[in-house]
Amino acid sequence: MGLFSRKKIDEFVSPANGELIHLDKVNDPVFSQKLMGDGFAVKPSDNEIVAPISGVIGTVFPTKHALMITSKNGLEIMLHLGIDTVELNGQPFEMFVQENDTVKAGQKLATMDLQKVLDSGKDTPIMTIITNSDAVKDMGDFEDKSVSAGDKALEITVN
C-alpha cells in the first residue's frame, strides 16, 4: 500500500423517508439475525423508494418486492421492500427500473403502497442488505434516526 492508496468506500443513502434503524430491530429473523447479510433498514413514512447506492440493477424479482444492485466497488446489495411481501404477488409495488439499468444514489426506483401492505397484514420496513459480506472490510456504523430519502445512512469500506 502506497502513501496515496485510496480506500474503496461505498456510501449508502436512505431509500425512503422515515426512520433509519438497525437490522436487529426488524421483525423478521432472516433480516434481524443478518442471515442474508448486514446492512440497515428504514421504516418508511411514504410510498416512494429510491436507490440506496449508485450502481447497476441486477435481478428485479418478478413479485417486485425486492431487487439487486451492484455497486461500483462490487458490493451486491439487496433492497427488500417489506416483510413477507413476496406473498402479495407484486400488488402494492410499481418498479421504475429494470435489469442492467445504471442508477444513481437517490434515484427513484419504485413505489410501495404502504396502506395496501399494512391492510394485507404485512410490515413495511425496507431492508438494504449487503449479500456478499466477504467483500466488506469495515461495516461502518450509524445512529437510529429520522431520515429523508437520499440522506446519508452508512459508509462501508470495501476490500
Protein backbone atom coordinates (compact mmCIF):
# COMPACT_ATOMS: atom_id res chain seq x y z
CA MET A 1 0.00 0.00 0.00
CA GLY A 2 1.46 3.30 -1.07
CA LEU A 3 1.18 6.61 0.66
CA PHE A 4 -1.50 7.68 -1.80
CA SER A 5 -3.52 4.46 -1.90
CA ARG A 6 -7.22 5.15 -1.60
CA LYS A 7 -9.76 3.26 0.43
CA LYS A 8 -12.67 1.89 -1.53
CA ILE A 9 -15.76 3.26 0.17
CA ASP A 10 -19.38 2.77 -0.84
CA GLU A 11 -21.71 5.43 0.52
CA PHE A 12 -25.29 4.41 1.19
CA VAL A 13 -28.27 6.75 1.45
CA SER A 14 -31.71 6.17 2.89
CA PRO A 15 -34.01 4.52 0.32
CA ALA A 16 -37.07 6.28 1.78
CA ASN A 17 -38.35 8.98 4.09
CA GLY A 18 -38.83 7.52 7.55
CA GLU A 19 -36.88 6.08 10.47
CA LEU A 20 -33.39 4.63 9.91
CA ILE A 21 -32.98 1.58 12.17
CA HIS A 22 -30.52 -1.23 12.81
CA LEU A 23 -31.42 -4.62 11.32
CA ASP A 24 -31.79 -6.25 14.74
CA LYS A 25 -34.96 -4.14 15.20
CA VAL A 26 -36.68 -5.65 12.15
CA ASN A 27 -39.49 -8.10 12.95
CA ASP A 28 -38.14 -10.93 10.79
CA PRO A 29 -35.38 -13.30 11.97
CA VAL A 30 -33.88 -13.68 8.47
CA PHE A 31 -33.06 -9.96 8.49
CA SER A 32 -32.69 -9.24 12.21
CA GLN A 33 -30.18 -12.10 12.63
CA LYS A 34 -28.39 -10.98 9.44
CA LEU A 35 -28.79 -14.38 7.80
CA MET A 36 -28.78 -12.79 4.31
CA GLY A 37 -26.12 -10.22 5.20
CA ASP A 38 -25.59 -6.99 7.12
CA GLY A 39 -26.96 -3.55 6.35
CA PHE A 40 -29.74 -1.32 7.63
CA ALA A 41 -33.49 -0.79 7.45
CA VAL A 42 -35.85 2.15 7.12
CA LYS A 43 -39.40 2.24 8.43
CA PRO A 44 -40.90 4.26 5.57
CA SER A 45 -43.31 7.15 6.07
CA ASP A 46 -44.37 7.40 2.41
CA ASN A 47 -44.56 5.30 -0.75
CA GLU A 48 -41.51 6.41 -2.77
CA ILE A 49 -38.39 4.20 -2.83
CA VAL A 50 -35.02 5.49 -4.10
CA ALA A 51 -31.69 3.81 -4.81
CA PRO A 52 -29.63 3.41 -1.62
CA ILE A 53 -26.42 3.45 -3.70
CA SER A 54 -25.21 4.14 -7.22
CA GLY A 55 -24.74 1.03 -9.29
CA VAL A 56 -26.22 -1.38 -11.81
CA ILE A 57 -29.59 -3.06 -11.30
CA GLY A 58 -29.27 -6.83 -11.24
CA THR A 59 -32.28 -9.03 -10.63
CA VAL A 60 -35.68 -7.37 -10.27
CA PHE A 61 -37.80 -10.03 -8.60
CA PRO A 62 -40.98 -10.89 -10.57
CA THR A 63 -43.05 -10.14 -7.45
CA LYS A 64 -41.44 -6.65 -7.33
CA HIS A 65 -40.80 -6.98 -3.57
CA ALA A 66 -37.00 -6.90 -3.99
CA LEU A 67 -34.20 -6.05 -6.36
CA MET A 68 -30.43 -6.35 -6.51
CA ILE A 69 -27.89 -3.57 -7.16
CA THR A 70 -24.14 -3.99 -7.69
CA SER A 71 -22.06 -1.02 -6.53
CA LYS A 72 -19.01 0.38 -8.36
CA ASN A 73 -16.79 -1.39 -5.81
CA GLY A 74 -18.53 -4.75 -6.27
CA LEU A 75 -20.87 -4.85 -3.29
CA GLU A 76 -24.02 -6.83 -4.02
CA ILE A 77 -26.99 -5.15 -2.38
CA MET A 78 -30.49 -6.49 -1.95
CA LEU A 79 -33.19 -3.89 -1.47
CA HIS A 80 -36.10 -5.75 0.13
CA LEU A 81 -39.44 -3.94 0.38
CA GLY A 82 -41.41 -5.01 3.44
CA ILE A 83 -41.63 -8.29 5.33
CA ASP A 84 -43.27 -11.37 3.74
CA THR A 85 -44.37 -9.12 0.87
CA VAL A 86 -43.39 -11.77 -1.70
CA GLU A 87 -46.81 -13.25 -0.84
CA LEU A 88 -48.52 -10.13 -2.27
CA ASN A 89 -47.51 -11.07 -5.84
CA GLY A 90 -46.43 -7.54 -6.78
CA GLN A 91 -49.77 -5.90 -5.93
CA PRO A 92 -48.53 -2.95 -3.80
CA PHE A 93 -45.41 -2.28 -5.92
CA GLU A 94 -44.53 -0.39 -9.06
CA MET A 95 -40.98 -0.58 -10.46
CA PHE A 96 -39.38 2.23 -12.46
CA VAL A 97 -36.15 0.38 -13.31
CA GLN A 98 -35.24 -2.88 -14.99
CA GLU A 99 -32.28 -5.23 -15.04
CA ASN A 100 -29.00 -3.69 -16.30
CA ASP A 101 -30.14 -0.09 -15.71
CA THR A 102 -27.46 2.15 -14.19
CA VAL A 103 -28.81 4.16 -11.26
CA LYS A 104 -27.55 6.98 -9.05
CA ALA A 105 -28.00 7.03 -5.27
CA GLY A 106 -31.28 8.81 -4.55
CA GLN A 107 -32.84 7.98 -7.95
CA LYS A 108 -36.48 6.81 -7.80
CA LEU A 109 -36.64 3.02 -8.17
CA ALA A 110 -40.13 2.04 -7.11
CA THR A 111 -43.23 2.81 -5.12
CA MET A 112 -44.70 0.65 -2.37
CA ASP A 113 -48.30 1.31 -1.38
CA LEU A 114 -47.79 1.26 2.38
CA GLN A 115 -51.51 1.14 3.12
CA LYS A 116 -52.00 -1.93 0.88
CA VAL A 117 -49.06 -3.65 2.59
CA LEU A 118 -50.46 -2.89 6.05
CA ASP A 119 -54.02 -3.83 5.04
CA SER A 120 -52.71 -7.24 3.94
CA GLY A 121 -51.26 -7.81 7.42
CA LYS A 122 -47.61 -7.33 6.38
CA ASP A 123 -44.97 -4.96 7.77
CA THR A 124 -43.31 -2.19 5.74
CA PRO A 125 -39.60 -1.82 6.64
CA ILE A 126 -37.23 -1.51 3.70
CA MET A 127 -34.06 -3.54 4.19
CA THR A 128 -30.80 -2.66 2.46
CA ILE A 129 -28.64 -5.80 2.73
CA ILE A 130 -25.06 -6.45 1.55
CA THR A 131 -25.30 -10.07 0.42
CA ASN A 132 -21.60 -10.59 -0.37
CA SER A 133 -20.29 -9.80 3.12
CA ASP A 134 -16.86 -11.26 2.26
CA ALA A 135 -16.31 -8.07 0.20
CA VAL A 136 -16.81 -5.84 3.28
CA LYS A 137 -13.70 -4.65 5.10
CA ASP A 138 -15.50 -2.33 7.58
CA MET A 139 -19.26 -2.10 8.01
CA GLY A 140 -19.31 1.40 9.48
CA ASP A 141 -21.97 2.43 11.97
CA PHE A 142 -24.94 4.77 12.29
CA GLU A 143 -27.44 6.03 14.82
CA ASP A 144 -31.16 5.23 14.60
CA LYS A 145 -32.78 8.49 13.45
CA SER A 146 -35.37 10.14 11.26
CA VAL A 147 -34.19 10.43 7.65
CA SER A 148 -35.30 11.73 4.30
CA ALA A 149 -34.84 9.71 1.13
CA GLY A 150 -31.30 10.35 -0.11
CA ASP A 151 -29.87 11.29 3.32
CA LYS A 152 -26.54 9.64 4.11
CA ALA A 153 -27.15 6.39 6.00
CA LEU A 154 -23.94 4.35 6.11
CA GLU A 155 -20.39 4.20 4.75
CA ILE A 156 -18.88 0.80 4.04
CA THR A 157 -15.19 0.19 3.35
CA VAL A 158 -14.79 -2.46 0.67
CA ASN A 159 -11.91 -5.00 0.44
